[in-house]
Structure formats: structure tokens, C-alpha cells
Protein backbone atom coordinates (compact mmCIF):
# COMPACT_ATOMS: atom_id res chain seq x y z
CA MET A 1 99.01 101.94 142.03
CA LEU A 2 98.08 102.48 138.99
CA ARG A 3 98.90 99.99 136.21
CA ILE A 4 99.68 100.95 132.62
CA LEU A 5 99.56 98.62 129.51
CA ILE A 6 101.56 99.49 126.05
CA ALA A 7 101.20 97.50 123.24
CA ASP A 8 103.34 97.97 119.87
CA ASP A 9 105.21 94.96 118.01
CA HIS A 10 108.76 97.47 118.05
CA SER A 11 110.73 97.18 121.33
CA VAL A 12 112.88 100.18 120.62
CA VAL A 13 109.04 101.63 120.72
CA ARG A 14 108.23 99.55 123.79
CA GLN A 15 111.03 100.77 125.93
CA GLY A 16 111.26 104.43 125.08
CA LEU A 17 107.47 104.76 126.56
CA GLU A 18 108.65 103.05 129.22
CA ARG A 19 111.06 105.51 130.25
CA ILE A 20 109.12 108.25 129.88
CA LEU A 21 106.19 107.12 131.53
CA ARG A 22 108.26 106.05 134.51
CA LYS A 23 109.83 109.68 134.49
CA GLU A 24 106.68 110.83 135.45
CA TYR A 25 104.74 107.53 137.05
CA PRO A 26 107.82 106.19 139.08
CA SER A 27 106.00 103.74 140.87
CA ALA A 28 103.42 102.64 138.38
CA THR A 29 103.25 98.92 136.84
CA ILE A 30 104.16 98.97 133.42
CA GLU A 31 103.43 95.39 131.21
CA GLU A 32 104.14 95.68 127.28
CA VAL A 33 102.29 93.04 124.49
CA THR A 34 103.25 92.86 120.82
CA ASP A 35 100.32 92.05 119.15
CA ALA A 36 96.72 93.25 119.28
CA GLU A 37 95.57 89.54 120.26
CA ASP A 38 97.92 89.94 123.31
CA MET A 39 96.55 93.22 124.38
CA ILE A 40 93.21 91.52 123.84
CA LYS A 41 93.83 88.53 126.79
CA LYS A 42 95.85 91.11 129.08
CA ALA A 43 93.17 93.28 128.65
CA LEU A 44 90.63 90.82 130.18
CA GLU A 45 92.94 89.08 132.33
CA SER A 46 93.86 92.45 134.78
CA GLU A 47 92.30 95.43 136.10
CA TRP A 48 93.98 98.64 134.14
CA ASP A 49 93.99 102.09 134.52
CA LEU A 50 95.53 103.05 131.22
CA ILE A 51 96.54 100.70 127.50
CA ILE A 52 98.80 103.03 124.88
CA SER A 53 98.74 100.77 121.48
CA ASP A 54 100.19 101.29 118.10
CA LEU A 55 97.61 100.37 115.36
CA THR A 56 99.49 98.52 112.89
CA MET A 57 100.64 95.15 114.88
CA PRO A 58 100.81 91.33 113.70
CA GLY A 59 97.56 89.65 113.16
CA LYS A 60 94.12 91.95 114.21
CA THR A 61 94.65 95.62 114.41
CA GLY A 62 94.53 98.37 117.05
CA LEU A 63 91.30 99.43 116.31
CA GLU A 64 89.50 96.15 115.60
CA ALA A 65 91.35 95.50 119.78
CA ILE A 66 90.30 98.43 121.00
CA THR A 67 86.37 98.10 120.39
CA GLN A 68 86.32 94.49 121.33
CA ILE A 69 87.88 95.56 124.51
CA LYS A 70 85.75 98.23 124.83
CA ASP A 71 82.86 96.84 124.49
CA ILE A 72 83.80 95.38 127.84
CA TYR A 73 85.54 98.01 129.90
CA PRO A 74 83.43 101.21 128.36
CA LYS A 75 85.49 103.14 130.71
CA LEU A 76 89.36 102.18 129.82
CA PRO A 77 91.17 104.90 128.73
CA ILE A 78 92.86 103.87 125.43
CA LEU A 79 95.69 106.32 124.10
CA VAL A 80 96.28 105.73 120.19
CA LEU A 81 99.73 106.52 119.44
CA SER A 82 100.71 105.67 115.58
CA ILE A 83 103.02 106.19 112.96
CA HIS A 84 99.97 107.16 110.84
CA PRO A 85 99.13 111.31 110.52
CA GLU A 86 95.77 111.25 112.22
CA ASP A 87 94.36 112.58 108.75
CA HIS A 88 93.93 108.93 108.02
CA TYR A 89 92.84 107.09 111.06
CA ALA A 90 92.36 109.88 114.45
CA ILE A 91 88.46 109.44 114.08
CA ARG A 92 88.64 105.64 112.85
CA ALA A 93 90.39 105.89 116.18
CA LEU A 94 87.97 107.67 118.59
CA LYS A 95 84.71 106.08 116.27
CA ALA A 96 86.11 102.73 118.08
CA GLY A 97 86.56 103.91 121.18
CA ALA A 98 90.21 105.74 121.74
CA SER A 99 90.72 108.37 124.46
CA GLY A 100 93.24 110.18 121.75
CA TYR A 101 95.00 109.89 118.88
CA LEU A 102 98.58 110.52 119.24
CA ASN A 103 101.61 110.46 116.23
CA LYS A 104 104.88 109.13 116.82
CA ASN A 105 107.32 112.07 116.21
CA MET A 106 105.75 113.47 119.50
CA ALA A 107 106.91 115.28 122.08
CA PRO A 108 107.63 113.45 125.26
CA GLU A 109 105.83 116.60 127.00
CA GLU A 110 103.26 115.48 124.52
CA LEU A 111 102.48 111.75 125.66
CA ILE A 112 102.27 113.07 129.49
CA ALA A 113 100.08 115.91 128.68
CA ALA A 114 97.52 112.85 126.46
CA THR A 115 97.82 110.38 129.41
CA ARG A 116 97.01 113.31 132.38
CA ARG A 117 93.66 114.12 130.26
CA VAL A 118 92.36 110.98 129.93
CA LEU A 119 93.61 109.00 132.90
CA ILE A 120 90.86 111.44 134.49
CA GLY A 121 88.32 110.44 132.30
CA ARG A 122 88.45 113.71 129.15
CA LYS A 123 89.19 113.12 125.53
CA TYR A 124 92.74 113.92 124.19
CA ILE A 125 91.76 116.04 120.86
CA THR A 126 94.99 118.28 118.79
CA PRO A 127 93.82 120.69 117.35
CA GLY A 128 94.50 119.12 113.88
CA ILE A 129 91.50 115.99 114.68
CA ALA A 130 89.60 119.09 116.46
CA GLU A 131 89.46 120.46 112.62
CA LYS A 132 88.64 117.64 111.09
CA LEU A 133 85.55 117.23 113.29
CA ASN A 134 84.05 119.99 113.57
CA ASP A 135 84.21 120.53 109.66
CA ARG A 136 82.36 116.89 109.29
CA MET A 137 79.70 118.13 111.56
CA ILE A 138 79.11 121.70 110.13
CA GLY A 139 79.47 119.81 105.99
CA ASP A 140 82.42 121.43 104.95
CA PHE A 141 84.15 118.42 103.49
CA PRO A 142 82.51 115.96 101.47
CA GLN A 143 82.94 112.52 102.57
CA MET A 144 86.48 110.98 101.27
CA PRO A 145 85.37 107.69 99.33
CA HIS A 146 87.63 105.67 101.49
CA GLU A 147 86.00 107.48 104.28
CA SER A 148 83.42 105.24 103.77
CA LEU A 149 85.48 101.70 104.17
CA SER A 150 84.87 100.07 107.86
CA ASP A 151 88.66 100.11 109.35
CA ARG A 152 89.13 96.09 107.60
CA GLU A 153 88.18 96.85 104.26
CA PHE A 154 90.59 100.74 104.45
CA GLU A 155 93.95 97.88 106.14
CA VAL A 156 92.60 95.99 103.38
CA LEU A 157 92.91 98.70 100.91
CA LYS A 158 96.15 100.06 101.47
CA MET A 159 98.15 96.43 101.43
CA LEU A 160 96.49 95.80 98.04
CA ALA A 161 97.32 99.16 97.13
CA ALA A 162 101.26 98.25 97.75
CA GLY A 163 101.04 95.30 95.57
CA LYS A 164 101.01 93.16 98.29
CA THR A 165 98.87 89.33 97.23
CA LEU A 166 95.35 88.24 98.89
CA THR A 167 97.25 84.99 100.14
CA GLU A 168 99.93 87.87 101.55
CA ILE A 169 97.21 90.20 103.15
CA GLY A 170 94.84 86.99 104.80
CA LYS A 171 98.39 85.87 106.94
CA THR A 172 99.23 89.12 107.74
CA LEU A 173 95.26 89.85 108.97
CA SER A 174 95.02 86.15 110.17
CA ILE A 175 92.01 85.65 107.61
CA SER A 176 91.42 83.49 104.12
CA SER A 177 92.35 84.89 101.00
CA VAL A 178 88.56 84.43 99.93
CA THR A 179 88.09 86.87 102.70
CA VAL A 180 90.13 89.29 101.49
CA SER A 181 88.85 88.53 98.35
CA THR A 182 85.05 89.76 99.52
CA TYR A 183 86.87 92.79 101.54
CA ARG A 184 88.49 93.65 97.48
CA ARG A 185 85.23 93.58 95.47
CA ARG A 186 82.91 95.07 98.83
CA LEU A 187 85.62 98.06 98.87
CA LEU A 188 85.78 98.65 94.78
CA GLU A 189 82.16 99.13 94.82
CA LYS A 190 82.33 101.34 98.23
CA MET A 191 84.78 103.61 95.80
CA LYS A 192 83.09 103.31 92.21
CA LEU A 193 86.92 102.22 91.13
CA ARG A 194 87.62 98.95 88.86
CA THR A 195 90.84 97.18 89.61
CA ASN A 196 93.87 97.01 91.91
CA ALA A 197 96.12 99.77 89.77
CA ASP A 198 93.24 102.91 90.46
CA LEU A 199 93.16 101.24 93.75
CA THR A 200 96.94 102.80 94.11
CA LYS A 201 96.43 105.18 92.23
CA TYR A 202 93.66 106.61 94.58
CA VAL A 203 96.34 105.59 97.28
CA ILE A 204 99.11 107.58 96.20
CA ALA A 205 96.97 110.53 94.81
CA ASN A 206 95.17 110.83 99.02
CA LYS A 207 98.68 110.08 100.76
CA LEU A 208 97.43 107.07 102.96
CA THR A 209 100.15 104.90 103.13
CA ASP A 210 104.21 105.11 103.86
CA GLU A 211 104.47 102.13 101.85
CA ILE A 212 104.23 103.31 98.34
């Protein structure tokens, strides 16, 4: 029997996904979790055929959860379903071990097509992602400054640009404000920027977040 785990902190999204999946896989066992910590816990407690996960959830990010799960179950397909444009996160998700990346505004038919593909051990790559991967391989476009950041540094970048304090960021990511300060220093160095205002200008100019 097919076993699917859905990880998303919005109940409407989880319920919508389950309805779509039930039509295609009526006999499947489908369970839900609301954050990355529970996603990891569930993934390690039971055997799953597929995980469908958001990226932005309370506590750990979906990318961190994917990396941790794939270290233990490298063949377990994880399909990322996110509100963030694929230009910003798809490559990061694939590098973390995801089998595919979809935007939440996709049609139900695309979700089913993606699940079918990853369930047979293949990657689900949209034309946009394929083009971006090709550009990187042949070196048509130089790496953007934010692409040199780690996944956690990238999250801190967006939160700083949205005006969140070190304490607020630490609470959201379940880390200390001192650690957040360290991430801030590192990302400023990597991006050759000096202030939070510089970060905000960069994020807006490159359309890296929907929060500003």
C-alpha cells in the first residue's frame, strides 16, 4: 500500500493536497505534519513511499529536513511544493536531495504527473529548472552573490531584509540571536555588503522574497 507524508503548516494546503492525491491513489495511506521537526520524526519512525514538503515552516526549514532525511533514506523521494518561485529555491532543493520542485500555483494534473515520476525513481524537472541547470553547466550566467550562501544564511538574509530583528529571527529558526549575528556577518562578507539596508535593496532588486 502506498504511503505518503504531507508536510505543510497550512491546513488548507494539506487538505487540498490530500483531496488531489486521493483521486489518483484512493487506497493510499496519507498522513500530515505541520513542521519540519515532525516531518523528520515521522520519516524516521515509519517507512514512506513519498514525502511532499513545503520549504517554509516553523522551526527548521524544509531544506534542512530534506537533507537530514536523505542522509538516512537516500532513495526516499521527496517532492517540494512551495510558494517561492523556482528561480530562488529549486536548485537548492535539488542539491539538498529533493526529487522535484513545484510551485503551489501548479495545476492538480502537474502534481500527479510529478508524483508518478518521482515514485519510479526519476527526477521531476520543469523546463524552467532545466534551463537554469543548463545555464550553470555551460557557464552562460555568473553566480549571483546570494547563490553563494548556505541555505540557513539565505533564510537569515530574507528575514533581515524583511526587517526582522536578530531575536525574532532566532526565535523563528530556533537558534540563538548570537548565532543569527554570526550568520549575518558571514552573509554580508560573502555578498560584499555592509548594512541591513544594503541587504534589503539587494533582496528587493532580485525579487528574493514576497515579504517586502
